[in-house]
Structure formats: structure tokens, C-alpha cells
Amino acid sequence: MTGAAENKFTLPVDASVIAAQAREVLESNWRSEGYTVPNAEVYPFQWLWDSCFHAIAWAELGEEQRAICELTHLFRTQAADGFVPHIDYEFAPLHHADFWGCAERSTITQPPMFGHAIAELHRRGIDVSSLLEPATRGLLFLFNERERVDGLIGLCHPWESGADDCPRWDHWCEDDWSVDRWRQRKSELVATVITNGSGSPVANSEFRVGSCGFNALVAFNALELAAVTEDARLRALARELIAVLDTRWNADLGTWIDTGDAEETSGRVRSLDALLPVLVTSRTDALDSVFNQLDDDSAFGGRCGPAGLHRGEPAFAARTYWRGPAWPQLSYLMCVAAQQRSSIDRAERLAVAFVNGATKSRWAEYWDADDGTGLGAAPQSWTAVVVAFVGGTSSIAR
């Protein structure tokens, strides 16, 4: 997981066509300030983990300077203690200022995918030296400043997971879940975030959860960054998290179970984001189970990428936001996991499905995992990360 090596494979697609389409999507959403918005109309600002996937796509397309600019701008609003906000409102600094209680940025974070993005740029021979210090501080903030919930780093808000309406959070809206009720509940949970003396988010007494998916991404990104910096601290902190995650695997359910208030309720729902510990786990039984589920059409398998929720879950809805559709960033991460932890054959199958979803959906934000019907905003910039698996150019570490 920490050594650079090339795992090349060629997919049965026209690489030049895919690359041209991905470039068009990114170009249409590029801003002169030096970053790519997810979608010019629906998401006209910079989002944390979106930009990390954008940077990988730019690098794969040979746009070294834009890849570096994307990540450099990501740290523009980083706090002195290392906290990295999940939204930067640079060109409209008062947008949602009343909602967040501050101007120019949000007051919560998102999965710190910058560790992996920096490692991917480094593997492509790009000088990432200017990004190493802020990225290290960003990860150390999560390790050192965040409240722990039974050994895992706690979330301060559902939005921090990136999986906004995932049924994993239904515990906090369990009486009669609906889109409108959950939207109101999410707004209420912003107001209960606890901050430190610098105003950075460290806990939420109304939302106590150690998300296995989020913690897996923290550990994965710490190991990826440490592969570049050789930082023994990050490696040790990541391994401590992984040791806790390995105790959270439930073989009967075939998923990892979150810590905290929802441990006996929605924290056991079989969602795709809850399988992200496959990136780092040392449990071979968990690896076998997860990859079998990704291949199984009655579980997560889909012709256009893995479904976001196990098809056997009562909440499964093939085209409802975070309750069934395929998501490009999770498809990407499962492809990476397959390359690192399973086999090239599995990685190829997942990558082919990802390409099918990206193209059939017309580069949408997310899509129906079976037929690729586009959902959400389109075109969405992070879907361009599919180019990392096209044309035999993948250089993910194994």
C-alpha cells in the first residue's frame, strides 16, 4: 500500500474518446482562481474531496500545473491548527455565512482525500513538495484534535462523511425518515457542532459516531501521504485506526459497524461507504467478503458500478440520493482497493463498470447502477477521475 508500482491494464474502450470527454467536463468547470467546481450551476464553489479527484484527473490528462493549483487552492482557507474546510466560497464569501456562522468557508470538513491525491501526483513524477506540509497538518488535525468515539475519529456532521443521506445516519431521523425531515435535521446538527479555541470543529454531542468509512479514508490517506514523506508518525497513527477498524468487522452482516449512538441501529446498515475499510484492513476474511459482494448482483454488483446500498436493505432505492445509486468517487476507490488488495481481473471488471456508468450517465454526479441513467448534476467534474483507469495508464500503488 505504500510502495509505488505500476499495475497496467487496458480496458475495452476508446481511451482517446474517454480522455477527450473527461477533459471537456473539467475544462467547462475550471475557474481562473485555480480550481475546478463540481458543477457550474449546482455546485459553483470548491469542495474538498471533489478537488482531490479533480487533481488526479488533471494529472492523468497531463495537466501538471492545474493538478497542483487544484490542491494548492484547497488549502487556501486552512486554519492554523490544520483544519481544512469542506467548502471554499472565495468568489461569494458571504454565501451561507449566516448558516455557518462565518464568511468565506464552511465550518466542517470532508474525507481528506488529499493524501492519496498527492501520492498519485508524485507517482506521475509531479513535484508535490509545496503540498506536503499543509496536507500533513490537515491529517494531524483529525488524528489529534478530533474527539474519539470508542477509538475512532468522530464525525461532527453527516456531511463530513461525504455520504450525505446515507441510511447509516437514519438513527438521527428514525421515526419517519423523509428527504424534507432529514434536510431539516442536518441543518439542526450544524448548530450543535462543538469547536475548539480556533473555531475548528472537534465534536458534536448530538451526533456521536465513529464512521468506519470515514476513518478508513483517514487511515488510507495518511498511509498514502507517508509513502511520499516517510512520516513515521502518520504511519503509526494510521495503523492504530486500522487496528480498531479490524475489530468492527461483522462477518454475519458482511460490513463494518460504526461506533457511537447508532451502533445498534443504523450504524449496521450495509452501505457501500461502510465497506471503505477494504482499502486498509488486515482481515483477509473481510476482503474476500467485500469483493464477493461487489461481484454479486443481489448485493452491490452493478453493470455501471457498485450500488451505494446493499440491495437487500429495506431502504434501497435505485435512484434515490445516497440510498442506492452508484457514485463515481466510491467506484474509483473500490477500483483502487481491488488493485491493491485483490486482483487485476477484479479491478478491470470494476473499472469497466465505472466507465459504463460515467459515459452512459453523460458524466453525471451519480447514476443508476444497473442502467447508467444519470442522476443529480451533470456534467459533474469528479466523474472525470475515471480516466485514471483508461488506456493502461493506471499507476496506483500496490
Protein backbone atom coordinates (compact mmCIF):
# COMPACT_ATOMS: atom_id res chain seq x y z
CA MET A 1 0.00 0.00 0.00
CA THR A 2 2.92 2.33 0.50
CA GLY A 3 5.22 1.48 -2.39
CA ALA A 4 4.84 2.89 -5.88
CA ALA A 5 4.39 0.34 -8.66
CA GLU A 6 2.51 0.30 -11.92
CA ASN A 7 -0.45 -2.01 -12.38
CA LYS A 8 -1.24 -1.50 -16.03
CA PHE A 9 -4.27 -2.88 -17.75
CA THR A 10 -6.14 -1.91 -20.90
CA LEU A 11 -9.91 -1.60 -20.91
CA PRO A 12 -12.08 -2.36 -23.97
CA VAL A 13 -12.83 1.32 -24.60
CA ASP A 14 -11.51 4.07 -26.85
CA ALA A 15 -9.13 5.78 -24.44
CA SER A 16 -8.79 8.90 -26.58
CA VAL A 17 -12.57 9.43 -26.62
CA ILE A 18 -12.88 8.97 -22.85
CA ALA A 19 -9.95 11.31 -22.23
CA ALA A 20 -11.39 13.97 -24.56
CA GLN A 21 -14.77 13.82 -22.84
CA ALA A 22 -13.20 13.98 -19.38
CA ARG A 23 -11.12 16.98 -20.41
CA GLU A 24 -14.22 18.75 -21.74
CA VAL A 25 -16.01 18.21 -18.42
CA LEU A 26 -13.08 19.56 -16.41
CA GLU A 27 -12.45 22.50 -18.75
CA SER A 28 -16.09 23.58 -18.55
CA ASN A 29 -15.86 23.77 -14.76
CA TRP A 30 -12.35 25.23 -14.38
CA ARG A 31 -12.13 28.62 -12.66
CA SER A 32 -9.40 31.20 -13.14
CA GLU A 33 -8.74 31.26 -9.38
CA GLY A 34 -7.12 27.85 -9.86
CA TYR A 35 -9.64 25.11 -9.12
CA THR A 36 -12.48 23.13 -10.68
CA VAL A 37 -16.05 23.49 -9.43
CA PRO A 38 -18.07 20.26 -9.28
CA ASN A 39 -20.82 21.73 -11.48
CA ALA A 40 -21.08 25.36 -12.57
CA GLU A 41 -24.80 25.71 -11.84
CA VAL A 42 -25.50 23.40 -8.90
CA TYR A 43 -22.13 23.42 -7.10
CA PRO A 44 -20.36 26.68 -8.06
CA PHE A 45 -17.74 26.62 -5.28
CA GLN A 46 -14.76 24.45 -4.33
CA TRP A 47 -15.42 21.24 -2.39
CA LEU A 48 -12.65 19.42 -0.52
CA TRP A 49 -12.78 15.81 -1.67
CA ASP A 50 -14.13 16.74 -5.10
CA SER A 51 -10.96 18.74 -5.78
CA CYS A 52 -8.77 15.80 -4.81
CA PHE A 53 -10.39 13.66 -7.52
CA HIS A 54 -10.17 16.59 -9.95
CA ALA A 55 -6.43 16.86 -9.31
CA ILE A 56 -5.90 13.16 -10.09
CA ALA A 57 -7.86 13.54 -13.32
CA TRP A 58 -5.93 16.65 -14.36
CA ALA A 59 -2.65 14.86 -13.66
CA GLU A 60 -3.71 11.83 -15.71
CA LEU A 61 -4.54 14.16 -18.59
CA GLY A 62 -1.04 15.64 -18.44
CA GLU A 63 -2.14 18.93 -16.86
CA GLU A 64 0.51 19.09 -14.12
CA GLN A 65 0.04 22.78 -13.32
CA ARG A 66 -3.72 22.55 -12.95
CA ALA A 67 -3.38 19.48 -10.73
CA ILE A 68 -1.03 21.36 -8.41
CA CYS A 69 -3.18 24.52 -8.48
CA GLU A 70 -6.27 22.50 -7.58
CA LEU A 71 -4.68 21.13 -4.41
CA THR A 72 -2.88 24.36 -3.54
CA HIS A 73 -6.15 26.28 -3.63
CA LEU A 74 -7.76 23.58 -1.48
CA PHE A 75 -5.58 24.66 1.44
CA ARG A 76 -6.32 28.40 0.94
CA THR A 77 -8.71 28.52 3.92
CA GLN A 78 -6.88 26.00 6.12
CA ALA A 79 -6.87 27.01 9.79
CA ALA A 80 -3.69 27.41 11.84
CA ASP A 81 -4.46 24.15 13.69
CA GLY A 82 -4.66 22.25 10.38
CA PHE A 83 -8.44 22.08 9.91
CA VAL A 84 -9.42 22.09 6.21
CA PRO A 85 -12.99 23.33 5.49
CA HIS A 86 -15.12 21.33 3.10
CA ILE A 87 -16.31 24.34 1.06
CA ASP A 88 -14.43 27.48 -0.05
CA TYR A 89 -16.77 30.35 -1.01
CA GLU A 90 -14.00 32.54 -2.43
CA PHE A 91 -15.91 34.38 -5.15
CA ALA A 92 -19.01 34.88 -2.95
CA PRO A 93 -17.61 34.99 0.61
CA LEU A 94 -20.93 35.85 2.28
CA HIS A 95 -22.80 32.97 0.65
CA HIS A 96 -24.27 30.90 3.52
CA ALA A 97 -22.28 32.96 6.04
CA ASP A 98 -25.30 33.14 8.36
CA PHE A 99 -25.77 29.38 8.12
CA TRP A 100 -22.14 28.58 9.01
CA GLY A 101 -21.57 31.48 11.36
CA CYS A 102 -18.55 32.71 9.40
CA ALA A 103 -17.69 34.10 5.99
CA GLU A 104 -15.74 32.58 3.11
CA ARG A 105 -15.77 28.93 4.22
CA SER A 106 -17.77 26.18 5.86
CA THR A 107 -17.16 25.08 9.45
CA ILE A 108 -16.93 21.31 8.86
CA THR A 109 -14.62 19.11 6.80
CA GLN A 110 -14.84 16.16 4.38
CA PRO A 111 -12.80 12.97 3.77
CA PRO A 112 -9.13 14.08 3.49
CA MET A 113 -8.50 12.61 0.06
CA PHE A 114 -5.57 14.99 -0.42
CA GLY A 115 -3.16 12.37 0.94
CA HIS A 116 -3.99 9.96 -1.87
CA ALA A 117 -4.17 12.74 -4.48
CA ILE A 118 -0.69 13.96 -3.57
CA ALA A 119 0.66 10.42 -3.73
CA GLU A 120 -0.91 9.93 -7.16
CA LEU A 121 0.67 13.13 -8.48
CA HIS A 122 4.00 12.07 -7.00
CA ARG A 123 3.77 8.69 -8.76
CA ARG A 124 3.34 10.54 -12.02
CA GLY A 125 6.59 12.43 -11.46
CA ILE A 126 4.99 15.72 -10.37
CA ASP A 127 6.74 17.87 -7.76
CA VAL A 128 4.38 17.94 -4.77
CA SER A 129 6.81 19.39 -2.21
CA SER A 130 4.73 22.55 -1.67
CA LEU A 131 1.71 20.46 -0.62
CA LEU A 132 3.31 18.17 1.93
CA GLU A 133 3.26 20.47 4.96
CA PRO A 134 -0.40 21.60 4.73
CA ALA A 135 -1.55 18.06 3.95
CA THR A 136 0.31 16.66 6.95
CA ARG A 137 -1.22 19.31 9.21
CA GLY A 138 -4.66 18.57 7.79
CA LEU A 139 -4.41 14.90 8.71
CA LEU A 140 -2.84 15.54 12.10
CA PHE A 141 -5.76 17.81 12.97
CA LEU A 142 -8.11 14.85 12.56
CA PHE A 143 -5.87 12.47 14.49
CA ASN A 144 -5.03 14.83 17.35
CA GLU A 145 -7.86 17.33 17.73
CA ARG A 146 -10.99 15.35 16.99
CA GLU A 147 -12.99 13.66 19.73
CA ARG A 148 -12.66 9.87 19.64
CA VAL A 149 -15.77 7.71 19.75
CA ASP A 150 -14.76 4.29 21.08
CA GLY A 151 -11.36 4.57 19.46
CA LEU A 152 -12.45 6.00 16.10
CA ILE A 153 -12.25 9.63 14.97
CA GLY A 154 -15.68 11.17 15.43
CA LEU A 155 -17.66 12.94 12.75
CA CYS A 156 -19.10 16.35 13.57
CA HIS A 157 -21.84 16.17 10.93
CA PRO A 158 -23.20 13.70 8.35
CA TRP A 159 -21.85 15.94 5.56
CA GLU A 160 -18.31 15.27 6.77
CA SER A 161 -18.64 11.65 5.66
CA GLY A 162 -19.37 12.75 2.09
CA ALA A 163 -22.35 10.35 2.15
CA ASP A 164 -24.98 12.95 3.00
CA ASP A 165 -28.27 10.99 3.04
CA CYS A 166 -26.83 7.51 3.60
CA PRO A 167 -29.13 5.27 5.69
CA ARG A 168 -26.21 4.91 8.13
CA TRP A 169 -27.45 8.21 9.62
CA ASP A 170 -31.14 7.26 9.88
CA HIS A 171 -30.74 6.85 13.66
CA TRP A 172 -30.90 10.64 13.86
CA CYS A 173 -34.17 10.78 11.87
CA GLU A 174 -35.57 7.33 12.52
CA ASP A 175 -39.21 7.99 13.43
CA ASP A 176 -40.32 8.80 9.90
CA TRP A 177 -37.43 9.42 7.51
CA SER A 178 -38.12 11.72 4.56
CA VAL A 179 -35.96 13.97 2.43
CA ASP A 180 -37.51 17.10 3.96
CA ARG A 181 -37.26 15.92 7.57
CA TRP A 182 -33.66 14.83 7.09
CA ARG A 183 -32.76 18.14 5.44
CA GLN A 184 -34.09 19.96 8.49
CA ARG A 185 -32.27 17.59 10.83
CA LYS A 186 -28.96 18.17 9.02
CA SER A 187 -29.42 21.93 9.44
CA GLU A 188 -30.05 21.46 13.15
CA LEU A 189 -26.89 19.37 13.50
CA VAL A 190 -24.76 22.21 12.11
CA ALA A 191 -25.80 24.29 15.11
CA THR A 192 -24.65 21.65 17.61
CA VAL A 193 -21.08 21.28 16.30
CA ILE A 194 -18.56 21.92 19.09
CA THR A 195 -15.47 23.95 18.15
CA ASN A 196 -12.08 24.47 19.77
CA GLY A 197 -10.48 27.80 20.65
CA SER A 198 -9.59 28.36 17.00
CA GLY A 199 -13.16 27.81 15.85
CA SER A 200 -12.38 24.43 14.26
CA PRO A 201 -14.90 21.55 14.61
CA VAL A 202 -13.90 18.87 17.12
CA ALA A 203 -17.10 17.14 18.30
CA ASN A 204 -20.90 17.09 18.22
CA SER A 205 -22.76 15.89 21.30
CA GLU A 206 -25.91 15.40 19.20
CA PHE A 207 -24.12 13.32 16.56
CA ARG A 208 -21.76 10.86 18.24
CA VAL A 209 -20.49 8.48 15.60
CA GLY A 210 -17.21 6.90 14.63
CA SER A 211 -17.82 6.20 10.95
CA CYS A 212 -15.85 3.20 9.72
CA GLY A 213 -15.90 4.58 6.19
CA PHE A 214 -14.55 8.00 7.17
CA ASN A 215 -11.90 6.51 9.45
CA ALA A 216 -10.77 4.15 6.71
CA LEU A 217 -10.25 7.13 4.40
CA VAL A 218 -8.29 8.99 7.09
CA ALA A 219 -6.02 5.96 7.59
CA PHE A 220 -5.67 5.33 3.85
CA ASN A 221 -4.75 8.94 3.11
CA ALA A 222 -2.29 9.04 5.99
CA LEU A 223 -0.51 5.96 4.62
CA GLU A 224 -0.55 7.40 1.11
CA LEU A 225 0.96 10.68 2.24
CA ALA A 226 3.51 8.87 4.39
CA ALA A 227 4.58 6.94 1.28
CA VAL A 228 5.76 10.30 -0.07
CA THR A 229 7.03 11.94 3.11
CA GLU A 230 8.23 8.83 5.01
CA ASP A 231 6.49 10.28 8.08
CA ALA A 232 6.58 7.57 10.77
CA ARG A 233 4.01 9.47 12.88
CA LEU A 234 1.36 9.26 10.19
CA ARG A 235 2.04 5.57 9.62
CA ALA A 236 1.74 4.79 13.32
CA LEU A 237 -1.47 6.82 13.73
CA ALA A 238 -2.99 5.16 10.68
CA ARG A 239 -2.14 1.69 11.96
CA GLU A 240 -3.78 2.48 15.30
CA LEU A 241 -7.01 3.35 13.48
CA ILE A 242 -6.79 0.23 11.32
CA ALA A 243 -6.43 -1.94 14.42
CA VAL A 244 -9.69 -0.50 15.78
CA LEU A 245 -11.42 -0.86 12.41
CA ASP A 246 -10.46 -4.53 12.27
CA THR A 247 -12.46 -5.12 15.47
CA ARG A 248 -15.55 -3.55 13.89
CA TRP A 249 -15.98 -6.13 11.10
CA ASN A 250 -19.17 -8.20 11.39
CA ALA A 251 -18.95 -11.39 9.34
CA ASP A 252 -22.67 -12.18 9.64
CA LEU A 253 -23.68 -8.83 8.13
CA GLY A 254 -20.67 -8.59 5.85
CA THR A 255 -19.93 -5.00 6.84
CA TRP A 256 -18.08 -2.84 9.34
CA ILE A 257 -20.21 -1.45 12.20
CA ASP A 258 -19.86 2.18 13.29
CA THR A 259 -19.18 3.16 16.89
CA GLY A 260 -21.33 5.60 18.83
CA ASP A 261 -25.01 6.26 19.25
CA ALA A 262 -26.13 4.32 16.14
CA GLU A 263 -24.06 1.19 16.82
CA GLU A 264 -27.14 -0.95 17.43
CA THR A 265 -29.37 0.78 14.89
CA SER A 266 -28.47 2.41 11.56
CA GLY A 267 -24.72 2.05 12.15
CA ARG A 268 -25.13 -1.54 10.93
CA VAL A 269 -26.75 -0.73 7.58
CA ARG A 270 -24.92 -2.32 4.63
CA SER A 271 -23.87 0.75 2.66
CA LEU A 272 -21.02 0.95 0.16
CA ASP A 273 -19.22 3.71 2.05
CA ALA A 274 -19.16 1.41 5.11
CA LEU A 275 -17.01 -1.01 3.07
CA LEU A 276 -14.20 1.51 2.56
CA PRO A 277 -12.04 -0.20 5.23
CA VAL A 278 -11.32 -2.68 2.42
CA LEU A 279 -8.63 -0.15 1.47
CA VAL A 280 -6.67 -0.76 4.68
CA THR A 281 -7.90 -3.79 6.61
CA SER A 282 -5.62 -6.66 7.54
CA ARG A 283 -8.56 -9.09 7.69
CA THR A 284 -8.49 -11.48 4.75
CA ASP A 285 -11.99 -12.73 5.60
CA ALA A 286 -13.31 -9.19 5.23
CA LEU A 287 -11.50 -8.70 1.92
CA ASP A 288 -12.98 -11.88 0.48
CA SER A 289 -16.48 -10.97 1.65
CA VAL A 290 -16.38 -7.41 0.31
CA PHE A 291 -15.09 -8.30 -3.15
CA ASN A 292 -17.60 -11.12 -3.45
CA GLN A 293 -20.38 -8.66 -2.60
CA LEU A 294 -19.10 -6.23 -5.24
CA ASP A 295 -19.40 -9.03 -7.81
CA ASP A 296 -22.87 -10.10 -6.67
CA ASP A 297 -25.83 -8.52 -8.50
CA SER A 298 -28.06 -9.26 -5.49
CA ALA A 299 -25.70 -7.34 -3.20
CA PHE A 300 -23.69 -4.35 -4.51
CA GLY A 301 -22.84 -5.51 -8.04
CA GLY A 302 -23.97 -3.35 -10.95
CA ARG A 303 -23.27 -3.12 -14.67
CA CYS A 304 -22.49 0.58 -14.23
CA GLY A 305 -20.62 0.42 -10.94
CA PRO A 306 -21.34 -0.82 -7.43
CA ALA A 307 -24.64 0.26 -5.91
CA GLY A 308 -24.39 2.65 -2.99
CA LEU A 309 -26.54 0.43 -0.77
CA HIS A 310 -26.89 -3.35 -0.49
CA ARG A 311 -29.93 -4.39 -2.50
CA GLY A 312 -31.22 -6.39 0.45
CA GLU A 313 -31.55 -3.33 2.66
CA PRO A 314 -35.14 -2.08 3.23
CA ALA A 315 -34.02 1.48 2.41
CA PHE A 316 -32.61 0.52 -1.00
CA ALA A 317 -33.92 2.78 -3.77
CA ALA A 318 -32.07 2.53 -7.08
CA ARG A 319 -32.34 6.23 -7.97
CA THR A 320 -32.63 8.00 -4.62
CA TYR A 321 -29.78 10.22 -3.43
CA TRP A 322 -27.30 8.14 -1.37
CA ARG A 323 -29.78 5.29 -0.96
CA GLY A 324 -28.92 3.07 -3.92
CA PRO A 325 -27.27 4.75 -6.92
CA ALA A 326 -23.65 4.30 -7.99
CA TRP A 327 -21.24 7.10 -7.11
CA PRO A 328 -18.09 7.82 -9.15
CA GLN A 329 -15.83 8.59 -6.19
CA LEU A 330 -16.78 5.31 -4.48
CA SER A 331 -16.42 3.41 -7.77
CA TYR A 332 -12.93 4.87 -8.07
CA LEU A 333 -12.00 3.88 -4.52
CA MET A 334 -13.28 0.34 -4.99
CA CYS A 335 -11.19 0.07 -8.17
CA VAL A 336 -8.16 1.23 -6.18
CA ALA A 337 -8.96 -1.28 -3.44
CA ALA A 338 -9.24 -4.10 -5.98
CA GLN A 339 -5.87 -3.22 -7.49
CA GLN A 340 -4.22 -3.05 -4.08
CA ARG A 341 -5.95 -5.82 -2.17
CA SER A 342 -7.44 -8.31 -4.66
CA SER A 343 -6.68 -8.90 -8.32
CA ILE A 344 -6.25 -7.09 -11.62
CA ASP A 345 -9.18 -9.09 -13.04
CA ARG A 346 -11.47 -7.71 -10.35
CA ALA A 347 -10.07 -4.21 -10.82
CA GLU A 348 -10.72 -4.47 -14.56
CA ARG A 349 -14.34 -5.54 -14.03
CA LEU A 350 -14.94 -2.66 -11.64
CA ALA A 351 -13.20 -0.19 -13.97
CA VAL A 352 -15.27 -1.32 -16.97
CA ALA A 353 -18.44 -0.82 -14.94
CA PHE A 354 -17.20 2.62 -13.85
CA VAL A 355 -16.56 3.65 -17.47
CA ASN A 356 -20.02 2.37 -18.43
CA GLY A 357 -21.61 4.46 -15.70
CA ALA A 358 -19.64 7.61 -16.47
CA THR A 359 -20.40 7.53 -20.19
CA LYS A 360 -24.00 6.27 -20.09
CA SER A 361 -24.90 8.87 -17.47
CA ARG A 362 -23.28 11.62 -19.54
CA TRP A 363 -20.78 12.28 -16.75
CA ALA A 364 -23.42 12.78 -14.07
CA GLU A 365 -22.95 13.33 -10.34
CA TYR A 366 -24.26 9.80 -9.67
CA TRP A 367 -26.34 7.24 -11.59
CA ASP A 368 -28.46 4.10 -11.62
CA ALA A 369 -26.02 1.25 -11.00
CA ASP A 370 -27.83 -1.07 -13.41
CA ASP A 371 -28.54 1.03 -16.50
CA GLY A 372 -26.44 4.18 -16.02
CA THR A 373 -29.33 6.65 -16.04
CA GLY A 374 -27.77 9.94 -14.98
CA LEU A 375 -28.89 11.49 -11.69
CA GLY A 376 -28.06 14.72 -9.89
CA ALA A 377 -25.98 17.44 -11.53
CA ALA A 378 -24.40 16.87 -14.94
CA PRO A 379 -21.72 17.09 -16.02
CA GLN A 380 -20.00 16.60 -12.67
CA SER A 381 -16.25 17.13 -12.56
CA TRP A 382 -15.26 14.32 -10.19
CA THR A 383 -16.58 11.73 -12.64
CA ALA A 384 -13.59 12.64 -14.85
CA VAL A 385 -11.39 10.65 -12.44
CA VAL A 386 -12.41 7.58 -14.47
CA VAL A 387 -9.54 8.48 -16.83
CA ALA A 388 -7.16 7.06 -14.21
CA PHE A 389 -8.24 3.58 -15.35
CA VAL A 390 -8.44 4.10 -19.10
CA GLY A 391 -5.78 3.26 -21.67
CA GLY A 392 -3.35 1.32 -19.49
CA THR A 393 -2.16 4.42 -17.62
CA SER A 394 -3.11 3.47 -14.06
CA SER A 395 -0.22 3.76 -11.60
CA ILE A 396 -1.96 3.09 -8.30
CA ALA A 397 0.43 1.69 -5.70
CA ARG A 398 0.06 -1.98 -4.85
